[in-house]
């Protein structure tokens, strides 16, 4: 039966067994593959494609018959273990859209505030429920993240700005909402469809849900954990999986994020020591999101680093702990100076980044918080560094950790 060819561009490292490759990023004549296309029946097929291509085009209308698929296995440290059970074909996390803002920053702000309040209320209640031995309601989870995803898709900055202002004493709460926001934004940047982005946002919210089963005094310890406590802390991944099982959460991306966000690209992570593309794409993204947000958030035993420095440290770990291409995409997603970053200008003034300028990533819209002597202003001044009036020319000199010079933007914007 004839059908229309619908192709999706996919990085070879993100190919999955069961897909059908219809086009390469190089000449077929330079490869040993047949002109009719390449059915991906095993990990070996992916490895062979990787020798010649970085990207291929997948025919989404065709799937490889189950009878042709080789049993999947993951090789780690010279031994093989069965790979986690996954669907033969998953085309949800494939680039399909090029999103553009459909609402201005200012117009989206009221809806972003409402969406933030919705997801925040769910996160607080979720942590309390898990600590009390209750289960997660999957429908309530979806209802909480959908307004946030809708806001992020309408405007790439408004929800991030609101999230950067809202602070909470609980690290678990802040980390859950922050990772959910980052996952939605990363999914938008990667061009995934809306339903896939909802799944990523839900996975970000639940990534560390297993920590609710750990002793609170251990998690809030001022100093480092001892070996026994560290071993116990690592079990939060399995605890998270058990919570998903009890709640009946079957969404594959959500489960991948919870179960593999501590795996590392070079195989040094836990709990399974998976490496490379044996880690699901959602898990590889989650590892970057989780690490970045943890570095940018103050903990009892260490201060936060600036968003800019956190991105630099992620970049230093590319192709080792984290997949290099995904790190680069994450950096492009957040910009050189992510929304909410404190910066010092060449004038000596301190400002906070409010809105990205996509055409000039080094010149965002900022709100100036201090004068040149670092004295707090009675009211902030908003300057678009890309569209400055004649006179004093301002540019970003360096980034600052959150809280520098006792600046709390929420005192200005949430008063």
Protein backbone atom coordinates (compact mmCIF):
# COMPACT_ATOMS: atom_id res chain seq x y z
CA UNK A 1 0.00 0.00 0.00
CA UNK A 2 1.35 3.41 -0.92
CA UNK A 3 1.95 5.94 1.82
CA UNK A 4 3.33 9.46 2.15
CA UNK A 5 6.91 9.62 3.39
CA UNK A 6 7.15 11.55 6.65
CA UNK A 7 10.74 12.03 7.72
CA UNK A 8 12.23 13.23 10.98
CA UNK A 9 15.85 14.30 11.41
CA UNK A 10 17.45 12.33 14.25
CA UNK A 11 20.97 12.30 15.67
CA UNK A 12 22.46 8.82 15.17
CA UNK A 13 23.15 8.58 18.91
CA UNK A 14 19.40 9.00 19.51
CA UNK A 15 18.31 6.25 17.12
CA UNK A 16 16.29 3.47 18.66
CA UNK A 17 15.89 -0.11 17.65
CA UNK A 18 12.79 -0.47 15.47
CA UNK A 19 13.25 2.77 13.52
CA UNK A 20 13.71 2.81 9.74
CA UNK A 21 16.42 5.12 8.32
CA UNK A 22 15.38 6.48 4.94
CA UNK A 23 18.09 9.09 4.35
CA UNK A 24 21.64 9.85 5.50
CA UNK A 25 23.57 13.08 5.98
CA UNK A 26 26.17 11.81 3.50
CA UNK A 27 26.19 10.11 0.10
CA UNK A 28 24.83 6.56 0.09
CA UNK A 29 27.63 5.59 -2.32
CA UNK A 30 30.19 6.37 0.38
CA UNK A 31 28.63 3.84 2.74
CA UNK A 32 27.97 0.08 2.69
CA UNK A 33 24.23 0.57 3.29
CA UNK A 34 21.58 -0.37 0.69
CA UNK A 35 19.81 2.43 -1.16
CA UNK A 36 16.45 1.07 -0.03
CA UNK A 37 17.14 2.26 3.52
CA UNK A 38 18.41 0.87 6.79
CA UNK A 39 16.12 -0.97 9.23
CA UNK A 40 17.56 -0.53 12.73
CA UNK A 41 17.31 -4.03 14.15
CA UNK A 42 20.12 -4.00 16.73
CA UNK A 43 22.60 -1.82 18.58
CA UNK A 44 25.18 -2.93 16.01
CA UNK A 45 23.16 -1.22 13.25
CA UNK A 46 23.32 2.05 15.20
CA UNK A 47 27.05 1.69 15.79
CA UNK A 48 27.64 1.06 12.06
CA UNK A 49 25.60 4.14 11.10
CA UNK A 50 27.61 6.21 13.58
CA UNK A 51 30.79 5.39 11.65
CA UNK A 52 29.50 7.34 8.65
CA UNK A 53 26.84 9.77 9.88
CA UNK A 54 26.05 12.21 12.66
CA UNK A 55 22.40 12.64 11.67
CA UNK A 56 19.98 10.55 9.65
CA UNK A 57 16.35 10.85 8.55
CA UNK A 58 13.83 8.40 9.94
CA UNK A 59 10.68 7.36 8.09
CA UNK A 60 8.05 7.69 10.82
CA UNK A 61 5.50 5.73 8.77
CA UNK A 62 7.60 2.56 8.82
CA UNK A 63 8.50 0.32 11.71
CA UNK A 64 10.73 -2.72 11.68
CA UNK A 65 8.84 -5.96 12.23
CA UNK A 66 9.30 -7.32 15.74
CA UNK A 67 10.54 -10.63 14.31
CA UNK A 68 13.59 -8.83 12.88
CA UNK A 69 14.65 -7.12 16.12
CA UNK A 70 17.65 -8.48 17.97
CA UNK A 71 17.37 -8.89 21.76
CA UNK A 72 18.60 -5.62 23.32
CA UNK A 73 21.45 -5.66 25.79
CA UNK A 74 23.63 -3.09 27.51
CA UNK A 75 27.36 -3.72 27.71
CA UNK A 76 29.01 -2.14 30.72
CA UNK A 77 32.44 -2.93 32.08
CA UNK A 78 32.81 -5.95 29.82
CA UNK A 79 29.61 -7.64 30.97
CA UNK A 80 26.16 -7.59 29.44
CA UNK A 81 22.89 -7.02 31.25
CA UNK A 82 19.39 -6.82 29.79
CA UNK A 83 18.42 -3.29 28.84
CA UNK A 84 15.45 -1.69 30.59
CA UNK A 85 12.18 -2.62 28.93
CA UNK A 86 11.22 0.12 26.47
CA UNK A 87 8.92 0.43 23.47
CA UNK A 88 10.52 -0.73 20.23
CA UNK A 89 9.83 2.66 18.65
CA UNK A 90 9.58 6.02 20.37
CA UNK A 91 9.15 8.95 18.03
CA UNK A 92 7.89 11.34 20.72
CA UNK A 93 11.34 12.73 21.46
CA UNK A 94 12.13 13.67 17.89
CA UNK A 95 12.50 17.22 16.60
CA UNK A 96 9.21 18.21 14.99
CA UNK A 97 8.63 21.91 15.71
CA UNK A 98 10.48 25.21 15.57
CA UNK A 99 8.79 27.16 18.35
CA UNK A 100 8.56 30.94 18.36
CA UNK A 101 7.03 33.17 21.02
CA UNK A 102 3.34 33.81 20.42
CA UNK A 103 2.97 36.12 23.44
CA UNK A 104 5.17 38.96 24.59
CA UNK A 105 6.97 38.74 27.92
CA UNK A 106 4.69 41.36 29.47
CA UNK A 107 1.46 39.82 28.14
CA UNK A 108 2.41 36.35 29.35
CA UNK A 109 3.36 37.40 32.88
CA UNK A 110 -0.15 37.08 34.46
CA UNK A 111 -0.65 33.59 32.98
CA UNK A 112 2.89 32.59 33.99
CA UNK A 113 2.17 33.63 37.59
CA UNK A 114 -1.04 31.60 37.64
CA UNK A 115 0.69 28.56 36.12
CA UNK A 116 3.53 28.85 38.64
CA UNK A 117 1.08 28.95 41.53
CA UNK A 118 -0.64 25.82 40.17
CA UNK A 119 2.50 23.73 39.78
CA UNK A 120 3.94 25.04 43.06
CA UNK A 121 0.85 24.05 45.02
CA UNK A 122 1.02 20.56 43.53
CA UNK A 123 4.74 20.22 44.32
CA UNK A 124 4.25 21.25 47.96
CA UNK A 125 1.32 18.89 48.35
CA UNK A 126 3.19 16.09 46.58
CA UNK A 127 6.16 16.27 48.95
CA UNK A 128 3.85 16.33 51.97
CA UNK A 129 1.78 13.42 50.65
CA UNK A 130 4.79 11.22 49.93
CA UNK A 131 6.24 11.91 53.37
CA UNK A 132 2.86 10.91 54.83
CA UNK A 133 2.81 7.65 52.85
CA UNK A 134 0.21 8.74 50.31
CA UNK A 135 0.41 8.14 46.56
CA UNK A 136 0.73 10.52 43.63
CA UNK A 137 -2.37 11.19 41.54
CA UNK A 138 -1.21 10.98 37.87
CA UNK A 139 -4.16 13.06 36.69
CA UNK A 140 -3.40 15.80 39.22
CA UNK A 141 0.24 15.69 38.11
CA UNK A 142 -0.72 16.25 34.48
CA UNK A 143 -3.18 19.00 35.40
CA UNK A 144 -0.42 20.77 37.33
CA UNK A 145 2.22 20.77 34.59
CA UNK A 146 0.05 21.49 31.54
CA UNK A 147 -0.50 25.22 32.31
CA UNK A 148 3.22 25.64 32.88
CA UNK A 149 4.10 23.93 29.60
CA UNK A 150 1.53 26.07 27.78
CA UNK A 151 3.12 29.21 29.24
CA UNK A 152 6.65 28.11 28.30
CA UNK A 153 5.51 27.39 24.74
CA UNK A 154 3.91 30.84 24.44
CA UNK A 155 6.91 32.70 25.87
CA UNK A 156 10.41 31.41 26.43
CA UNK A 157 11.15 33.84 29.27
CA UNK A 158 8.07 34.77 31.30
CA UNK A 159 7.67 31.56 33.33
CA UNK A 160 11.45 31.36 33.88
CA UNK A 161 11.39 34.89 35.24
CA UNK A 162 8.59 34.10 37.69
CA UNK A 163 10.30 30.89 38.77
CA UNK A 164 13.60 32.72 39.35
CA UNK A 165 11.88 35.15 41.72
CA UNK A 166 9.92 32.67 43.82
CA UNK A 167 12.00 31.18 46.61
CA UNK A 168 11.10 28.52 49.15
CA UNK A 169 12.84 27.11 52.22
CA UNK A 170 12.49 23.52 51.03
CA UNK A 171 15.23 22.40 48.62
CA UNK A 172 13.01 19.50 47.51
CA UNK A 173 10.29 21.95 46.49
CA UNK A 174 12.63 24.36 44.71
CA UNK A 175 14.46 21.56 42.93
CA UNK A 176 11.25 19.89 41.76
CA UNK A 177 9.73 23.07 40.30
CA UNK A 178 13.06 24.29 38.90
CA UNK A 179 13.82 21.01 37.13
CA UNK A 180 10.28 20.86 35.76
CA UNK A 181 10.66 24.36 34.32
CA UNK A 182 14.05 23.54 32.80
CA UNK A 183 12.72 20.31 31.29
CA UNK A 184 9.83 22.11 29.61
CA UNK A 185 12.13 24.80 28.23
CA UNK A 186 14.71 22.24 27.06
CA UNK A 187 11.95 20.25 25.33
CA UNK A 188 10.71 23.39 23.58
CA UNK A 189 14.24 24.23 22.45
CA UNK A 190 14.70 20.68 21.09
CA UNK A 191 11.47 21.00 19.12
CA UNK A 192 9.59 18.10 20.72
CA UNK A 193 5.82 17.93 20.40
CA UNK A 194 3.61 19.33 23.15
CA UNK A 195 2.69 15.98 24.70
CA UNK A 196 6.34 14.97 24.95
CA UNK A 197 7.14 18.30 26.65
CA UNK A 198 4.34 17.68 29.18
CA UNK A 199 5.95 14.32 29.96
CA UNK A 200 9.39 15.92 30.37
CA UNK A 201 7.95 18.57 32.69
CA UNK A 202 6.25 15.90 34.79
CA UNK A 203 9.47 13.89 34.90
CA UNK A 204 11.40 16.95 36.06
CA UNK A 205 8.89 17.48 38.85
CA UNK A 206 9.20 13.86 40.02
CA UNK A 207 12.93 13.24 39.49
CA UNK A 208 13.86 13.29 43.17
CA UNK A 209 10.52 12.16 44.60
CA UNK A 210 12.26 9.15 46.15
CA UNK A 211 14.16 11.45 48.52
CA UNK A 212 10.92 11.95 50.44
CA UNK A 213 11.50 8.42 51.77
CA UNK A 214 14.94 9.28 53.18
CA UNK A 215 15.61 10.66 56.68
CA UNK A 216 15.01 14.43 56.61
CA UNK A 217 17.85 15.13 59.05
CA UNK A 218 20.25 13.41 56.64
CA UNK A 219 19.09 15.48 53.66
CA UNK A 220 19.38 18.73 55.65
CA UNK A 221 22.82 17.93 57.07
CA UNK A 222 25.18 20.91 57.20
CA UNK A 223 28.22 18.77 56.40
CA UNK A 224 29.02 16.02 53.90
CA UNK A 225 27.45 12.55 54.18
CA UNK A 226 29.48 9.58 55.38
CA UNK A 227 29.83 6.47 53.21
CA UNK A 228 26.85 4.68 54.74
CA UNK A 229 24.62 7.74 54.35
CA UNK A 230 25.77 8.23 50.78
CA UNK A 231 24.86 4.62 49.94
CA UNK A 232 21.43 5.23 51.47
CA UNK A 233 20.97 8.48 49.55
CA UNK A 234 21.67 6.72 46.25
CA UNK A 235 18.66 4.51 46.88
CA UNK A 236 16.34 7.45 46.21
CA UNK A 237 16.30 6.39 42.55
CA UNK A 238 14.84 2.96 43.36
CA UNK A 239 12.51 4.57 45.90
CA UNK A 240 11.31 6.95 43.19
CA UNK A 241 10.62 4.05 40.86
CA UNK A 242 8.62 2.30 43.58
CA UNK A 243 6.56 5.47 44.13
CA UNK A 244 5.78 5.61 40.39
CA UNK A 245 4.78 1.95 40.42
CA UNK A 246 2.44 2.44 43.38
CA UNK A 247 0.87 5.49 41.74
CA UNK A 248 0.45 3.72 38.41
CA UNK A 249 2.61 6.22 36.50
CA UNK A 250 3.42 4.49 33.21
CA UNK A 251 4.55 7.43 31.05
CA UNK A 252 7.88 6.26 29.62
CA UNK A 253 9.64 9.65 29.62
CA UNK A 254 8.64 10.27 33.24
CA UNK A 255 9.95 6.87 34.28
CA UNK A 256 13.17 7.33 32.28
CA UNK A 257 13.89 10.64 34.00
CA UNK A 258 13.25 9.31 37.50
CA UNK A 259 15.16 6.06 36.99
CA UNK A 260 18.19 7.27 34.99
CA UNK A 261 18.89 10.91 35.93
CA UNK A 262 21.98 9.83 37.89
CA UNK A 263 23.39 7.67 35.10
CA UNK A 264 26.38 9.22 33.36
CA UNK A 265 27.37 9.16 29.71
CA UNK A 266 30.74 7.53 30.48
CA UNK A 267 29.13 4.78 32.57
CA UNK A 268 30.22 6.13 35.97
CA UNK A 269 26.72 6.89 37.24
CA UNK A 270 24.20 4.91 39.22
CA UNK A 271 22.15 2.79 39.88
CA UNK A 272 22.84 0.64 36.78
CA UNK A 273 26.08 2.05 35.37
CA UNK A 274 24.49 2.60 31.95
CA UNK A 275 26.62 4.38 29.35
CA UNK A 276 26.10 6.30 26.11
CA UNK A 277 22.85 5.75 24.28
CA UNK A 278 21.93 2.88 26.60
CA UNK A 279 20.71 5.77 28.76
CA UNK A 280 17.32 6.92 27.37
CA UNK A 281 17.34 10.38 25.81
CA UNK A 282 15.02 11.73 28.51
CA UNK A 283 17.46 10.40 31.11
CA UNK A 284 20.44 12.04 29.42
CA UNK A 285 18.56 15.34 29.40
CA UNK A 286 17.50 14.87 33.02
CA UNK A 287 21.11 14.35 34.15
CA UNK A 288 22.05 17.75 32.72
CA UNK A 289 18.97 19.48 34.15
CA UNK A 290 19.39 17.94 37.62
CA UNK A 291 23.10 18.78 37.86
CA UNK A 292 22.68 22.33 36.59
CA UNK A 293 19.84 23.21 38.95
CA UNK A 294 21.60 21.61 41.93
CA UNK A 295 24.71 23.72 41.30
CA UNK A 296 22.63 26.92 41.05
CA UNK A 297 20.71 26.28 44.29
CA UNK A 298 22.19 26.95 47.76
CA UNK A 299 22.48 23.93 50.03
CA UNK A 300 23.19 23.70 53.78
CA UNK A 301 26.75 22.54 53.05
CA UNK A 302 27.68 24.86 50.15
CA UNK A 303 26.65 28.11 48.46
CA UNK A 304 25.13 28.28 44.99
CA UNK A 305 27.22 29.13 41.94
CA UNK A 306 26.09 31.50 39.21
CA UNK A 307 24.08 30.09 36.34
CA UNK A 308 26.85 31.09 33.96
CA UNK A 309 29.47 29.18 35.97
CA UNK A 310 27.18 26.14 36.24
CA UNK A 311 26.88 26.06 32.44
CA UNK A 312 30.66 26.29 32.13
CA UNK A 313 31.10 23.36 34.50
CA UNK A 314 28.59 21.30 32.53
CA UNK A 315 30.52 22.12 29.37
CA UNK A 316 33.71 20.88 31.00
CA UNK A 317 31.96 17.56 31.62
CA UNK A 318 30.73 17.11 28.04
CA UNK A 319 31.42 13.76 26.37
CA UNK A 320 32.35 12.37 29.76
CA UNK A 321 29.57 12.70 32.32
CA UNK A 322 27.13 14.24 29.84
CA UNK A 323 26.46 13.86 26.13
CA UNK A 324 28.32 16.71 24.44
CA UNK A 325 25.65 17.58 21.88
CA UNK A 326 22.97 17.80 24.57
CA UNK A 327 25.14 20.04 26.76
CA UNK A 328 25.59 22.40 23.82
CA UNK A 329 21.85 22.39 23.13
CA UNK A 330 21.13 23.09 26.81
CA UNK A 331 23.50 26.06 26.73
CA UNK A 332 21.80 27.36 23.60
CA UNK A 333 18.42 26.88 25.29
CA UNK A 334 19.29 28.97 28.35
CA UNK A 335 21.47 31.56 26.64
CA UNK A 336 24.81 32.93 27.69
CA UNK A 337 23.16 34.71 30.61
CA UNK A 338 20.10 32.68 31.69
CA UNK A 339 16.98 34.48 32.86
CA UNK A 340 17.32 35.33 36.55
CA UNK A 341 21.12 35.65 36.46
CA UNK A 342 22.69 38.44 38.52
CA UNK A 343 25.27 40.36 36.49
CA UNK A 344 27.64 43.25 37.01
CA UNK A 345 27.68 45.83 34.23
CA UNK A 346 30.69 47.74 32.94
CA UNK A 347 29.31 50.76 34.82
CA UNK A 348 29.63 48.94 38.15
CA UNK A 349 25.85 48.61 38.48
CA UNK A 350 24.36 45.22 39.38
CA UNK A 351 21.39 43.94 37.39
CA UNK A 352 19.29 40.82 36.93
CA UNK A 353 18.62 39.31 33.50
CA UNK A 354 14.92 39.41 32.66
CA UNK A 355 14.47 38.59 28.95
CA UNK A 356 16.73 37.02 26.34
CA UNK A 357 17.35 38.78 23.02
CA UNK A 358 17.50 35.84 20.63
CA UNK A 359 19.43 37.74 17.96
CA UNK A 360 21.95 39.19 20.45
CA UNK A 361 22.40 36.68 23.27
CA UNK A 362 25.05 38.87 24.95
CA UNK A 363 22.61 41.79 25.20
CA UNK A 364 19.50 40.74 27.16
CA UNK A 365 16.93 42.99 28.81
CA UNK A 366 18.00 43.59 32.41
CA UNK A 367 16.65 45.24 35.55
CA UNK A 368 19.26 47.39 37.30
CA UNK A 369 19.23 46.88 41.08
CA UNK A 370 22.13 49.03 42.36
CA UNK A 371 24.14 52.09 41.50
CA UNK A 372 27.82 51.92 40.60
CA UNK A 373 28.78 51.84 44.30
CA UNK A 374 26.55 48.75 44.82
CA UNK A 375 24.04 50.68 46.93
CA UNK A 376 20.52 49.34 46.45
CA UNK A 377 18.18 51.49 44.40
CA UNK A 378 14.77 52.39 45.78
CA UNK A 379 13.30 51.17 42.51
CA UNK A 380 14.72 49.12 39.64
CA UNK A 381 15.43 50.41 36.14
CA UNK A 382 14.77 48.21 33.09
CA UNK A 383 17.29 48.54 30.26
CA UNK A 384 17.36 46.63 26.98
CA UNK A 385 21.07 46.25 26.31
CA UNK A 386 20.35 45.72 22.61
CA UNK A 387 18.39 48.98 22.27
CA UNK A 388 20.13 51.59 24.40
CA UNK A 389 19.57 55.29 24.05
CA UNK A 390 22.49 57.52 23.28
CA UNK A 391 24.70 58.28 26.23
CA UNK A 392 26.07 55.70 28.66
CA UNK A 393 26.64 52.36 26.93
CA UNK A 394 26.10 49.42 29.25
CA UNK A 395 27.30 45.87 28.73
CA UNK A 396 27.66 42.81 30.95
CA UNK A 397 31.06 42.59 32.59
CA UNK A 398 30.66 39.41 34.65
CA UNK A 399 28.09 37.16 36.29
CA UNK A 400 27.47 36.95 40.04
CA UNK A 401 26.18 34.19 42.33
CA UNK A 402 22.57 34.55 43.49
CA UNK A 403 22.31 36.75 46.56
CA UNK A 404 25.45 38.80 45.83
CA UNK A 405 25.47 42.21 47.54
CA UNK A 406 22.35 41.05 49.45
CA UNK A 407 20.27 41.54 46.31
CA UNK A 408 16.94 39.70 46.22
CA UNK A 409 15.02 40.64 43.06
CA UNK A 410 11.81 39.25 44.54
CA UNK A 411 11.81 42.17 47.02
CA UNK A 412 11.35 44.51 44.04
CA UNK A 413 9.12 42.48 41.75
CA UNK A 414 6.92 40.60 44.26
CA UNK A 415 6.41 43.46 46.70
